[in-house]
């Protein structure tokens, strides 16, 4: 076992030797097991990026890259993703939790061909506050297996499927909001010719110092590598999000025998340097080992090092590590410290909200790419084109849309980054006040609940599926359609506490071109409120019969 002598009480490091079995001493056993998912292999894992890549497009995220060498000479690329909850759309689930859905695709194009991987991930947030928090994240990994190339063009694309569902309620042709990262990837070839102590690049850990299993600030996207995702902090943001920085990295003796094991360093120098201020911190990690015994025992270990960032002013920092008194390589990575939400928040102001709800196609893409003044000009042109009376002093359509937004903010759940958090709010923005609203709160008594279902729910079930097969039909006359209706009703009995039916005859009006502009009169929308919250989701509508896609 290595004895470690950290310098000062603000930084701490621990290390453990091993014989081909990986160990992270000083960390919980479950954390060591989680990291072994990533670090398992003939060689230590190495991160390729000094600073994580940032996504560009409809929402922000970061991705880091870790190489996991294999014994057959190829590598598995493990991509580490971190997406802020506030950038994503969530739907309230039974019991009050929040659920979303994300599609992730990664493609590496190299000289020997392409490696392509795509998955859909179920997102989870514990509450509505977590779903909109700027300091809560969805963390997950995606692996590109068997990469033989030494370099290639890496492209990662994320699509918010839940936000896309919301958009298609008003525009059948709307695409899912997406964000893309592209960059050049190069394999870490220098390791093969190294002589001395090889230092693998560090992994940043979430919830440091690690004393509990669950991370306090990260929700873990499922089902891709859940256990590993709980412990990683790919965005490397500290301060208001996490006050303790903790990293884990490999060390391995390369090109050494018992005879020249004296080339191994006995100390590692860790340096923390501000890129903006005249500030530096140095720490020495003492590796109190017997070099010959370490080499003979396999020469592999992991080191964990931590630092209290409460001592750091806000800004960007470089963190480096190198041998102090022997042969070996070094690494340099970067991280950021924030002490205010305003430093990194992307506020969903009124201008952005309006643009995200009314603009479509190429105009929406141009809006996303434009700055503040460019967005203002795009919106001004849009409302000029949709002014019902250009000769009047004001724009009645814009004024009415702002009024509808105010109503949604006060009475229909308000807005998130993707738009209204309640589907009723979206329909209200598109069509305005309905002619009729039927409300039914489900009583606790189950018999009364069934009566309520019969009076309201079943009466309008056919607006989506056509003619309703009633329960007085014989078993032989039951169809797949009626069976589906019964299953839907049973699900509602178990999961929902209230519903609203909105009916539009002649009162609704579209202020601008959208999915409902050319719809016939008589539109009906059935919204259900799930247990644990008052948010309503669109369950049925006869608009689906006129070209609107289903859920």
Protein backbone atom coordinates (compact mmCIF):
# COMPACT_ATOMS: atom_id res chain seq x y z
CA UNK A 1 0.00 0.00 0.00
CA UNK A 2 1.32 3.42 -0.89
CA UNK A 3 1.62 6.02 1.82
CA UNK A 4 0.59 9.48 0.69
CA UNK A 5 1.76 12.76 2.11
CA UNK A 6 -0.39 15.62 0.77
CA UNK A 7 0.78 19.17 1.19
CA UNK A 8 -1.61 21.24 3.31
CA UNK A 9 -5.17 20.38 4.32
CA UNK A 10 -6.94 21.74 1.26
CA UNK A 11 -5.83 18.94 -1.04
CA UNK A 12 -5.84 15.21 -0.42
CA UNK A 13 -4.66 12.25 -2.46
CA UNK A 14 -4.83 8.50 -1.97
CA UNK A 15 -3.45 5.67 -4.05
CA UNK A 16 -3.42 1.90 -4.05
CA UNK A 17 -1.19 -0.67 -5.71
CA UNK A 18 -2.63 -3.82 -7.23
CA UNK A 19 -1.85 -6.95 -9.13
CA UNK A 20 -4.00 -6.60 -12.28
CA UNK A 21 -7.05 -5.90 -10.11
CA UNK A 22 -8.12 -2.28 -10.03
CA UNK A 23 -8.53 -0.50 -6.73
CA UNK A 24 -9.32 3.09 -5.81
CA UNK A 25 -8.27 3.38 -2.17
CA UNK A 26 -10.06 5.86 0.05
CA UNK A 27 -13.21 5.72 -2.12
CA UNK A 28 -16.34 3.65 -1.39
CA UNK A 29 -16.16 0.09 -2.81
CA UNK A 30 -19.23 0.76 -4.95
CA UNK A 31 -17.42 3.72 -6.55
CA UNK A 32 -14.42 1.54 -7.30
CA UNK A 33 -16.76 -0.97 -8.91
CA UNK A 34 -18.43 1.75 -10.96
CA UNK A 35 -15.13 3.10 -12.21
CA UNK A 36 -14.01 -0.40 -13.14
CA UNK A 37 -16.80 -0.38 -15.75
CA UNK A 38 -14.81 2.31 -17.51
CA UNK A 39 -11.25 1.45 -16.49
CA UNK A 40 -11.37 -2.31 -17.01
CA UNK A 41 -8.93 -3.49 -19.66
CA UNK A 42 -5.33 -4.30 -20.33
CA UNK A 43 -4.34 -0.63 -20.25
CA UNK A 44 -5.44 2.38 -18.22
CA UNK A 45 -8.20 4.52 -19.68
CA UNK A 46 -7.21 7.93 -20.99
CA UNK A 47 -9.29 11.05 -21.58
CA UNK A 48 -8.48 12.70 -24.88
CA UNK A 49 -9.80 16.21 -24.28
CA UNK A 50 -8.18 19.05 -22.37
CA UNK A 51 -11.60 20.74 -22.23
CA UNK A 52 -14.93 19.04 -22.98
CA UNK A 53 -16.59 19.85 -26.27
CA UNK A 54 -19.74 21.96 -26.10
CA UNK A 55 -22.85 21.29 -28.16
CA UNK A 56 -24.28 23.92 -30.50
CA UNK A 57 -27.92 24.17 -31.51
CA UNK A 58 -31.26 24.06 -29.74
CA UNK A 59 -29.79 23.32 -26.30
CA UNK A 60 -26.42 23.09 -24.60
CA UNK A 61 -24.48 20.07 -23.40
CA UNK A 62 -20.88 18.92 -23.07
CA UNK A 63 -19.16 15.70 -24.06
CA UNK A 64 -15.82 14.29 -22.91
CA UNK A 65 -14.02 11.37 -24.54
CA UNK A 66 -12.27 8.47 -22.81
CA UNK A 67 -10.22 5.81 -24.60
CA UNK A 68 -10.49 2.26 -23.27
CA UNK A 69 -7.75 0.15 -24.93
CA UNK A 70 -8.43 -3.52 -25.63
CA UNK A 71 -6.07 -6.47 -25.83
CA UNK A 72 -6.77 -6.92 -29.56
CA UNK A 73 -5.16 -3.55 -30.35
CA UNK A 74 -8.32 -1.50 -30.92
CA UNK A 75 -9.97 0.89 -28.49
CA UNK A 76 -13.47 1.51 -27.23
CA UNK A 77 -14.34 5.21 -27.16
CA UNK A 78 -16.51 6.04 -24.15
CA UNK A 79 -18.32 9.36 -24.59
CA UNK A 80 -19.32 11.11 -21.36
CA UNK A 81 -22.36 13.40 -21.73
CA UNK A 82 -23.75 16.03 -19.38
CA UNK A 83 -26.96 17.90 -20.32
CA UNK A 84 -28.52 20.59 -18.08
CA UNK A 85 -32.07 19.73 -17.02
CA UNK A 86 -33.14 23.33 -17.68
CA UNK A 87 -32.32 22.86 -21.37
CA UNK A 88 -34.63 19.84 -21.76
CA UNK A 89 -38.38 19.24 -21.83
CA UNK A 90 -39.97 16.98 -19.21
CA UNK A 91 -43.46 15.56 -18.75
CA UNK A 92 -44.97 15.01 -15.33
CA UNK A 93 -45.40 11.35 -14.47
CA UNK A 94 -47.48 9.40 -12.02
CA UNK A 95 -46.37 10.09 -8.46
CA UNK A 96 -44.98 13.54 -9.25
CA UNK A 97 -41.74 12.58 -10.99
CA UNK A 98 -40.61 14.11 -14.26
CA UNK A 99 -39.78 12.12 -17.38
CA UNK A 100 -38.17 13.08 -20.66
CA UNK A 101 -36.71 11.33 -23.66
CA UNK A 102 -33.46 11.95 -25.48
CA UNK A 103 -32.00 10.39 -28.62
CA UNK A 104 -28.20 10.25 -28.76
CA UNK A 105 -26.11 9.40 -31.81
CA UNK A 106 -22.34 9.31 -32.16
CA UNK A 107 -20.40 8.70 -35.39
CA UNK A 108 -16.64 8.40 -35.80
CA UNK A 109 -15.48 8.61 -39.42
CA UNK A 110 -11.92 7.45 -39.95
CA UNK A 111 -9.65 6.16 -42.70
CA UNK A 112 -10.77 2.55 -42.17
CA UNK A 113 -14.49 3.32 -42.10
CA UNK A 114 -17.13 4.57 -39.68
CA UNK A 115 -18.35 3.49 -36.27
CA UNK A 116 -21.94 4.52 -35.60
CA UNK A 117 -24.05 4.15 -32.46
CA UNK A 118 -27.52 5.49 -31.65
CA UNK A 119 -29.67 5.00 -28.53
CA UNK A 120 -32.77 6.46 -26.93
CA UNK A 121 -32.52 7.35 -23.26
CA UNK A 122 -35.22 7.78 -20.67
CA UNK A 123 -34.57 10.92 -18.64
CA UNK A 124 -35.62 11.28 -15.04
CA UNK A 125 -35.92 14.24 -12.67
CA UNK A 126 -37.13 13.94 -9.09
CA UNK A 127 -39.40 16.98 -9.13
CA UNK A 128 -40.52 19.92 -11.25
CA UNK A 129 -37.86 22.06 -9.58
CA UNK A 130 -35.16 19.56 -10.53
CA UNK A 131 -36.47 19.43 -14.09
CA UNK A 132 -35.96 23.18 -14.48
CA UNK A 133 -32.82 23.59 -12.34
CA UNK A 134 -29.79 25.17 -13.98
CA UNK A 135 -27.43 23.15 -11.78
CA UNK A 136 -29.01 19.70 -12.29
CA UNK A 137 -27.89 17.50 -15.17
CA UNK A 138 -28.63 14.34 -17.09
CA UNK A 139 -25.39 12.35 -17.13
CA UNK A 140 -24.85 9.30 -19.32
CA UNK A 141 -22.28 7.48 -21.42
CA UNK A 142 -22.27 6.12 -24.96
CA UNK A 143 -19.62 3.70 -26.20
CA UNK A 144 -18.23 3.39 -29.73
CA UNK A 145 -16.72 -0.12 -29.69
CA UNK A 146 -13.79 -1.49 -31.64
CA UNK A 147 -12.22 1.67 -33.07
CA UNK A 148 -9.18 0.70 -35.16
CA UNK A 149 -8.35 4.13 -36.59
CA UNK A 150 -5.77 6.36 -34.97
CA UNK A 151 -7.72 9.51 -35.88
CA UNK A 152 -11.11 10.53 -37.19
CA UNK A 153 -13.94 13.03 -37.28
CA UNK A 154 -16.20 12.57 -34.26
CA UNK A 155 -19.79 13.83 -34.43
CA UNK A 156 -22.31 13.66 -31.58
CA UNK A 157 -25.96 14.62 -31.97
CA UNK A 158 -28.61 14.82 -29.23
CA UNK A 159 -32.33 15.22 -29.99
CA UNK A 160 -34.88 16.18 -27.34
CA UNK A 161 -37.77 13.85 -28.21
CA UNK A 162 -40.14 15.22 -25.56
CA UNK A 163 -39.64 18.79 -26.78
CA UNK A 164 -40.26 17.52 -30.31
CA UNK A 165 -43.56 16.00 -29.21
CA UNK A 166 -44.63 19.37 -27.82
CA UNK A 167 -43.61 21.17 -31.02
CA UNK A 168 -45.58 18.75 -33.21
CA UNK A 169 -48.76 19.55 -31.34
CA UNK A 170 -48.76 22.83 -33.29
CA UNK A 171 -46.73 21.86 -36.36
CA UNK A 172 -46.99 18.32 -37.71
CA UNK A 173 -43.74 18.72 -39.63
CA UNK A 174 -41.65 20.09 -36.78
CA UNK A 175 -38.35 18.37 -36.10
CA UNK A 176 -36.99 17.45 -32.70
CA UNK A 177 -34.75 20.16 -31.21
CA UNK A 178 -31.18 19.02 -31.66
CA UNK A 179 -27.68 19.99 -30.67
CA UNK A 180 -24.48 18.85 -32.37
CA UNK A 181 -20.82 18.52 -31.41
CA UNK A 182 -18.12 17.89 -34.01
CA UNK A 183 -14.39 17.66 -33.56
CA UNK A 184 -11.23 15.83 -34.53
CA UNK A 185 -10.28 12.84 -32.40
CA UNK A 186 -6.74 11.43 -32.18
CA UNK A 187 -5.73 8.21 -30.46
CA UNK A 188 -3.24 8.47 -27.63
CA UNK A 189 -0.36 6.83 -29.48
CA UNK A 190 2.47 8.29 -27.37
CA UNK A 191 1.78 5.79 -24.60
CA UNK A 192 3.20 2.89 -26.65
CA UNK A 193 6.70 4.39 -26.67
CA UNK A 194 6.71 5.67 -23.10
CA UNK A 195 9.38 4.77 -20.59
CA UNK A 196 8.70 5.36 -16.91
CA UNK A 197 5.46 6.10 -15.11
CA UNK A 198 2.52 6.67 -17.43
CA UNK A 199 -0.10 9.06 -16.04
CA UNK A 200 -3.55 8.53 -17.48
CA UNK A 201 -5.72 11.60 -17.90
CA UNK A 202 -8.16 12.22 -15.05
CA UNK A 203 -11.84 11.50 -14.67
CA UNK A 204 -13.79 14.20 -12.82
CA UNK A 205 -16.18 12.80 -10.21
CA UNK A 206 -19.62 14.04 -9.19
CA UNK A 207 -20.77 14.60 -5.62
CA UNK A 208 -17.22 14.84 -4.27
CA UNK A 209 -15.96 13.95 -1.79
CA UNK A 210 -17.42 10.53 -2.53
CA UNK A 211 -18.99 9.26 0.67
CA UNK A 212 -22.46 8.41 -0.63
CA UNK A 213 -23.61 6.57 -3.71
CA UNK A 214 -26.11 9.08 -5.11
CA UNK A 215 -24.82 12.29 -6.64
CA UNK A 216 -26.53 15.36 -5.23
CA UNK A 217 -26.68 17.33 -8.47
CA UNK A 218 -27.02 14.78 -11.28
CA UNK A 219 -29.95 12.79 -12.57
CA UNK A 220 -28.86 9.74 -14.51
CA UNK A 221 -30.30 9.07 -17.94
CA UNK A 222 -31.35 5.45 -18.36
CA UNK A 223 -30.65 2.76 -19.37
CA UNK A 224 -27.12 3.39 -20.68
CA UNK A 225 -24.47 2.69 -17.99
CA UNK A 226 -26.46 4.01 -15.07
CA UNK A 227 -23.96 3.12 -12.35
CA UNK A 228 -21.04 4.80 -14.08
CA UNK A 229 -23.07 7.91 -14.89
CA UNK A 230 -23.85 8.51 -11.23
CA UNK A 231 -20.19 9.14 -10.45
CA UNK A 232 -19.00 11.28 -13.35
CA UNK A 233 -18.92 15.06 -13.71
CA UNK A 234 -18.09 15.61 -17.40
CA UNK A 235 -18.91 19.32 -17.53
CA UNK A 236 -16.19 20.12 -14.93
CA UNK A 237 -18.13 23.00 -13.39
CA UNK A 238 -17.45 23.76 -9.74
CA UNK A 239 -18.33 26.34 -7.14
CA UNK A 240 -22.06 26.86 -6.85
CA UNK A 241 -22.67 23.38 -8.29
CA UNK A 242 -20.06 21.40 -6.39
CA UNK A 243 -17.60 22.74 -3.83
CA UNK A 244 -15.12 19.88 -3.90
CA UNK A 245 -13.12 18.87 -6.95
CA UNK A 246 -12.19 15.19 -7.08
CA UNK A 247 -10.38 13.32 -9.84
CA UNK A 248 -9.23 9.75 -10.39
CA UNK A 249 -6.45 8.78 -12.78
CA UNK A 250 -4.38 5.72 -13.67
CA UNK A 251 -0.67 5.25 -13.21
CA UNK A 252 1.24 2.44 -14.93
CA UNK A 253 4.90 1.47 -15.12
CA UNK A 254 5.84 1.18 -18.81
CA UNK A 255 9.04 -0.09 -20.41
CA UNK A 256 10.59 -0.94 -17.06
CA UNK A 257 12.04 -4.06 -15.49
CA UNK A 258 13.20 -4.82 -11.97
CA UNK A 259 16.70 -3.74 -13.05
CA UNK A 260 15.75 -0.21 -14.18
CA UNK A 261 12.76 0.26 -11.88
CA UNK A 262 14.69 3.09 -10.23
CA UNK A 263 13.57 5.31 -13.11
CA UNK A 264 10.13 5.44 -11.52
CA UNK A 265 9.34 8.80 -9.89
CA UNK A 266 8.69 8.88 -6.15
CA UNK A 267 6.62 12.08 -6.24
CA UNK A 268 4.00 13.68 -8.49
CA UNK A 269 3.58 17.44 -8.78
CA UNK A 270 -0.01 18.70 -9.09
CA UNK A 271 -0.40 22.33 -10.16
CA UNK A 272 -3.56 24.41 -10.33
CA UNK A 273 -3.24 27.63 -12.34
CA UNK A 274 -5.79 30.34 -13.07
CA UNK A 275 -5.95 31.24 -16.76
CA UNK A 276 -7.28 34.72 -15.96
CA UNK A 277 -5.67 35.73 -12.64
CA UNK A 278 -2.23 35.66 -11.05
CA UNK A 279 -3.06 32.62 -8.94
CA UNK A 280 -1.39 29.22 -8.60
CA UNK A 281 -1.45 26.30 -6.18
CA UNK A 282 0.98 23.39 -6.04
CA UNK A 283 0.62 20.08 -4.26
CA UNK A 284 3.00 17.13 -4.02
CA UNK A 285 1.79 13.53 -3.99
CA UNK A 286 4.39 11.23 -2.42
CA UNK A 287 4.36 7.69 -3.82
CA UNK A 288 6.07 5.78 -1.03
CA UNK A 289 6.63 2.55 -2.96
CA UNK A 290 9.32 0.00 -3.58
CA UNK A 291 9.92 0.49 -7.34
CA UNK A 292 11.09 -3.07 -8.02
CA UNK A 293 8.17 -4.59 -6.14
CA UNK A 294 5.72 -2.26 -7.87
CA UNK A 295 6.99 -3.22 -11.35
CA UNK A 296 7.05 -6.92 -10.49
CA UNK A 297 3.51 -6.73 -9.13
CA UNK A 298 2.08 -5.47 -12.41
CA UNK A 299 2.81 -1.75 -12.09
CA UNK A 300 -0.81 -0.58 -12.13
CA UNK A 301 -2.68 1.68 -9.73
CA UNK A 302 -5.25 4.46 -9.51
CA UNK A 303 -4.83 7.73 -7.68
CA UNK A 304 -7.64 9.89 -6.32
CA UNK A 305 -6.94 13.56 -5.60
CA UNK A 306 -9.30 16.21 -4.30
CA UNK A 307 -9.32 19.95 -3.64
CA UNK A 308 -11.71 22.34 -1.90
CA UNK A 309 -12.68 24.92 -4.53
CA UNK A 310 -14.12 27.27 -1.89
CA UNK A 311 -10.63 28.75 -1.88
CA UNK A 312 -10.80 29.63 -5.58
CA UNK A 313 -12.15 32.82 -7.17
CA UNK A 314 -14.44 32.38 -10.18
CA UNK A 315 -12.86 31.74 -13.55
CA UNK A 316 -11.20 29.13 -15.76
CA UNK A 317 -8.37 26.95 -14.41
CA UNK A 318 -5.72 24.57 -15.66
CA UNK A 319 -4.97 21.45 -13.65
CA UNK A 320 -1.78 19.55 -14.44
CA UNK A 321 0.14 16.60 -13.06
CA UNK A 322 3.69 15.44 -13.84
CA UNK A 323 6.48 13.29 -12.34
CA UNK A 324 8.65 15.34 -10.03
CA UNK A 325 11.74 13.14 -9.76
CA UNK A 326 11.70 10.45 -12.43
CA UNK A 327 10.66 9.42 -15.94
CA UNK A 328 7.10 9.70 -17.19
CA UNK A 329 4.54 11.81 -19.00
CA UNK A 330 2.27 14.62 -17.82
CA UNK A 331 -1.31 15.72 -18.44
CA UNK A 332 -3.13 19.06 -18.52
CA UNK A 333 -6.89 19.55 -18.26
CA UNK A 334 -9.18 22.52 -17.64
CA UNK A 335 -12.19 23.22 -15.43
CA UNK A 336 -14.34 26.21 -14.44
CA UNK A 337 -15.47 27.74 -11.16
CA UNK A 338 -18.76 29.67 -10.95
CA UNK A 339 -20.19 31.40 -7.91
CA UNK A 340 -23.38 32.79 -9.51
CA UNK A 341 -26.03 31.23 -11.73
CA UNK A 342 -25.90 34.23 -14.04
CA UNK A 343 -22.37 33.26 -15.03
CA UNK A 344 -23.50 30.31 -17.11
CA UNK A 345 -27.29 30.41 -17.36
CA UNK A 346 -29.04 30.70 -20.69
CA UNK A 347 -32.18 32.57 -19.68
CA UNK A 348 -35.36 31.82 -21.58
CA UNK A 349 -36.42 35.45 -22.00
CA UNK A 350 -39.65 36.53 -23.67
CA UNK A 351 -37.97 37.08 -27.03
CA UNK A 352 -36.58 33.54 -27.05
CA UNK A 353 -39.88 32.03 -25.88
CA UNK A 354 -41.89 33.79 -28.57
CA UNK A 355 -39.46 32.79 -31.30
CA UNK A 356 -39.37 29.16 -30.18
CA UNK A 357 -43.17 28.95 -30.28
CA UNK A 358 -44.05 30.81 -33.49
CA UNK A 359 -41.14 30.25 -35.89
CA UNK A 360 -40.79 27.14 -38.02
CA UNK A 361 -38.33 25.57 -40.44
CA UNK A 362 -35.43 27.60 -41.83
CA UNK A 363 -36.62 30.74 -40.09
CA UNK A 364 -36.41 28.98 -36.72
CA UNK A 365 -32.89 27.74 -37.52
CA UNK A 366 -31.84 31.30 -38.39
CA UNK A 367 -33.41 32.53 -35.15
CA UNK A 368 -31.44 30.00 -33.07
CA UNK A 369 -28.16 31.08 -34.69
CA UNK A 370 -28.79 34.83 -34.45
CA UNK A 371 -27.78 37.18 -31.67
CA UNK A 372 -30.17 39.38 -29.70
CA UNK A 373 -30.51 42.05 -32.40
CA UNK A 374 -30.86 39.46 -35.15
CA UNK A 375 -33.61 37.66 -33.28
CA UNK A 376 -35.44 40.91 -32.74
CA UNK A 377 -35.34 41.64 -36.49
CA UNK A 378 -36.57 38.14 -37.39
CA UNK A 379 -39.51 38.42 -34.99
CA UNK A 380 -40.38 41.93 -36.19
CA UNK A 381 -40.56 40.72 -39.80
CA UNK A 382 -42.64 37.70 -38.77
CA UNK A 383 -45.26 39.77 -36.95
CA UNK A 384 -45.36 42.32 -39.78
CA UNK A 385 -46.24 39.50 -42.17
CA UNK A 386 -49.03 38.33 -39.84
CA UNK A 387 -50.46 41.76 -38.98
CA UNK A 388 -54.23 41.46 -39.64
CA UNK A 389 -54.58 45.23 -40.18
CA UNK A 390 -51.35 46.86 -41.40
CA UNK A 391 -53.03 50.28 -41.48
CA UNK A 392 -53.77 50.26 -37.76
CA UNK A 393 -51.25 51.81 -35.35
CA UNK A 394 -50.54 48.50 -33.58
CA UNK A 395 -50.27 44.82 -34.39
CA UNK A 396 -53.38 43.12 -33.06
CA UNK A 397 -51.98 39.62 -33.56
CA UNK A 398 -48.86 40.33 -31.50
CA UNK A 399 -50.90 42.04 -28.78
CA UNK A 400 -53.26 39.06 -28.57
CA UNK A 401 -50.35 36.62 -28.47
CA UNK A 402 -48.78 38.50 -25.57
CA UNK A 403 -52.14 38.42 -23.78
CA UNK A 404 -52.34 34.67 -24.28
CA UNK A 405 -48.81 34.27 -22.95
CA UNK A 406 -49.76 36.24 -19.85
CA UNK A 407 -52.82 34.04 -19.32
CA UNK A 408 -50.74 30.87 -19.68
CA UNK A 409 -48.19 32.21 -17.20
CA UNK A 410 -50.87 32.92 -14.59
CA UNK A 411 -53.36 30.10 -15.01
CA UNK A 412 -52.04 27.28 -17.20
CA UNK A 413 -48.73 26.23 -15.69
CA UNK A 414 -46.34 28.83 -17.09
CA UNK A 415 -43.34 28.29 -19.35
CA UNK A 416 -40.19 26.22 -19.42
CA UNK A 417 -37.34 26.53 -21.87
CA UNK A 418 -39.14 24.38 -24.47
CA UNK A 419 -42.37 26.37 -24.15
CA UNK A 420 -45.49 25.84 -22.02
CA UNK A 421 -45.02 23.16 -19.38
CA UNK A 422 -48.72 22.28 -19.61
CA UNK A 423 -50.22 21.10 -22.92
CA UNK A 424 -53.30 23.24 -22.27
CA UNK A 425 -51.03 26.28 -22.43
CA UNK A 426 -49.74 25.32 -25.86
CA UNK A 427 -53.24 24.82 -27.28
CA UNK A 428 -54.33 28.12 -25.73
CA UNK A 429 -51.47 29.93 -27.46
CA UNK A 430 -52.34 28.35 -30.80
CA UNK A 431 -56.14 28.74 -30.68
CA UNK A 432 -57.06 31.03 -27.80
CA UNK A 433 -60.07 30.66 -25.52
CA UNK A 434 -62.19 27.53 -26.23
CA UNK A 435 -65.96 27.74 -26.60
CA UNK A 436 -66.47 25.19 -23.87
CA UNK A 437 -64.43 23.62 -21.09
CA UNK A 438 -65.72 20.55 -19.28
CA UNK A 439 -63.87 19.75 -16.07
CA UNK A 440 -64.12 16.65 -13.93
CA UNK A 441 -62.20 16.06 -10.71
CA UNK A 442 -62.06 12.37 -9.93
CA UNK A 443 -63.54 11.55 -6.48
CA UNK A 444 -61.75 9.26 -4.08
CA UNK A 445 -64.62 6.77 -4.21
CA UNK A 446 -63.89 4.31 -7.04
CA UNK A 447 -67.56 3.92 -7.99
CA UNK A 448 -67.87 7.68 -8.43
CA UNK A 449 -64.67 7.58 -10.45
CA UNK A 450 -66.17 5.04 -12.86
CA UNK A 451 -69.29 7.16 -13.17
CA UNK A 452 -67.14 10.19 -14.04
CA UNK A 453 -65.29 8.19 -16.67
CA UNK A 454 -68.59 7.11 -18.23
CA UNK A 455 -70.01 10.64 -18.26
CA UNK A 456 -67.06 12.49 -19.74
CA UNK A 457 -64.14 10.33 -20.82
CA UNK A 458 -66.03 7.64 -22.73
CA UNK A 459 -68.40 10.20 -24.23
CA UNK A 460 -65.53 11.76 -26.16
CA UNK A 461 -63.19 8.80 -26.58
CA UNK A 462 -64.26 8.41 -30.18
CA UNK A 463 -63.06 11.85 -31.27
CA UNK A 464 -59.66 10.30 -31.94
CA UNK A 465 -60.39 6.76 -32.99
CA UNK A 466 -63.76 7.04 -34.78
CA UNK A 467 -66.87 5.16 -33.74
CA UNK A 468 -66.91 3.88 -30.17
CA UNK A 469 -67.68 0.26 -29.40
CA UNK A 470 -69.86 0.43 -26.29
CA UNK A 471 -69.74 -2.03 -23.43
CA UNK A 472 -73.18 -3.51 -24.25
CA UNK A 473 -71.69 -5.35 -27.24
CA UNK A 474 -71.14 -9.09 -26.86
CA UNK A 475 -67.65 -10.52 -26.57
CA UNK A 476 -67.84 -11.74 -30.17
CA UNK A 477 -68.51 -8.21 -31.35
CA UNK A 478 -65.59 -6.66 -29.50
CA UNK A 479 -62.84 -5.35 -31.76
CA UNK A 480 -59.19 -4.49 -31.25
CA UNK A 481 -60.31 -0.87 -31.18
CA UNK A 482 -62.69 -1.41 -28.26
CA UNK A 483 -60.11 -3.46 -26.36
CA UNK A 484 -57.66 -0.59 -26.71
CA UNK A 485 -60.29 1.81 -25.38
CA UNK A 486 -60.87 -0.38 -22.35
CA UNK A 487 -57.14 -0.57 -21.67
CA UNK A 488 -56.88 3.21 -21.97
CA UNK A 489 -59.74 3.62 -19.52
CA UNK A 490 -58.19 1.16 -17.04
CA UNK A 491 -54.88 3.00 -17.23
CA UNK A 492 -56.66 6.27 -16.56
CA UNK A 493 -58.46 4.83 -13.54
CA UNK A 494 -55.12 3.83 -12.05
CA UNK A 495 -53.06 6.88 -12.92
CA UNK A 496 -55.13 10.02 -13.34
CA UNK A 497 -57.10 12.15 -10.96
CA UNK A 498 -58.80 14.71 -13.21
CA UNK A 499 -59.35 15.71 -16.81
CA UNK A 500 -60.54 18.61 -18.94
CA UNK A 501 -62.26 18.61 -22.31
CA UNK A 502 -61.78 21.71 -24.47
CA UNK A 503 -64.20 22.23 -27.36
CA UNK A 504 -63.62 24.75 -30.17
CA UNK A 505 -66.60 25.55 -32.41
CA UNK A 506 -66.17 29.12 -33.63
CA UNK A 507 -64.36 30.90 -30.83
CA UNK A 508 -60.79 29.74 -31.47
CA UNK A 509 -58.50 31.58 -33.86
CA UNK A 510 -54.93 31.10 -35.09
CA UNK A 511 -52.82 34.25 -34.99
CA UNK A 512 -50.19 32.86 -37.38
CA UNK A 513 -49.72 29.74 -39.55
CA UNK A 514 -49.55 26.61 -37.41
CA UNK A 515 -50.84 23.05 -37.34
CA UNK A 516 -54.39 24.17 -36.51
CA UNK A 517 -54.75 27.00 -39.03
CA UNK A 518 -56.68 24.98 -41.63
CA UNK A 519 -58.43 22.63 -39.23
CA UNK A 520 -62.25 22.39 -39.48
CA UNK A 521 -64.54 23.58 -36.71
CA UNK A 522 -65.35 21.24 -33.87
CA UNK A 523 -61.86 20.55 -32.56
CA UNK A 524 -61.80 18.77 -29.21
CA UNK A 525 -58.87 18.23 -26.87
CA UNK A 526 -58.95 15.92 -23.85
CA UNK A 527 -56.31 16.72 -21.20
CA UNK A 528 -55.47 14.49 -18.23
CA UNK A 529 -53.81 15.59 -14.98
CA UNK A 530 -51.59 12.96 -13.44
CA UNK A 531 -51.22 12.13 -9.78
CA UNK A 532 -48.72 14.22 -7.88
CA UNK A 533 -49.19 17.48 -9.76
CA UNK A 534 -51.58 19.76 -11.58
CA UNK A 535 -49.93 19.61 -15.00
CA UNK A 536 -52.24 18.46 -17.80
CA UNK A 537 -51.10 16.40 -20.78
CA UNK A 538 -52.93 16.04 -24.08
CA UNK A 539 -54.40 12.54 -24.19
CA UNK A 540 -56.88 12.60 -27.10
CA UNK A 541 -57.91 14.99 -29.86
CA UNK A 542 -59.82 14.69 -33.10
CA UNK A 543 -57.11 16.87 -34.67
CA UNK A 544 -55.19 13.62 -35.10
CA UNK A 545 -57.85 12.56 -37.60
CA UNK A 546 -57.02 15.65 -39.69
CA UNK A 547 -53.29 15.14 -40.06
CA UNK A 548 -51.88 15.86 -36.61
CA UNK A 549 -49.54 13.05 -35.49
CA UNK A 550 -50.40 11.04 -32.37
CA UNK A 551 -48.48 11.00 -29.15
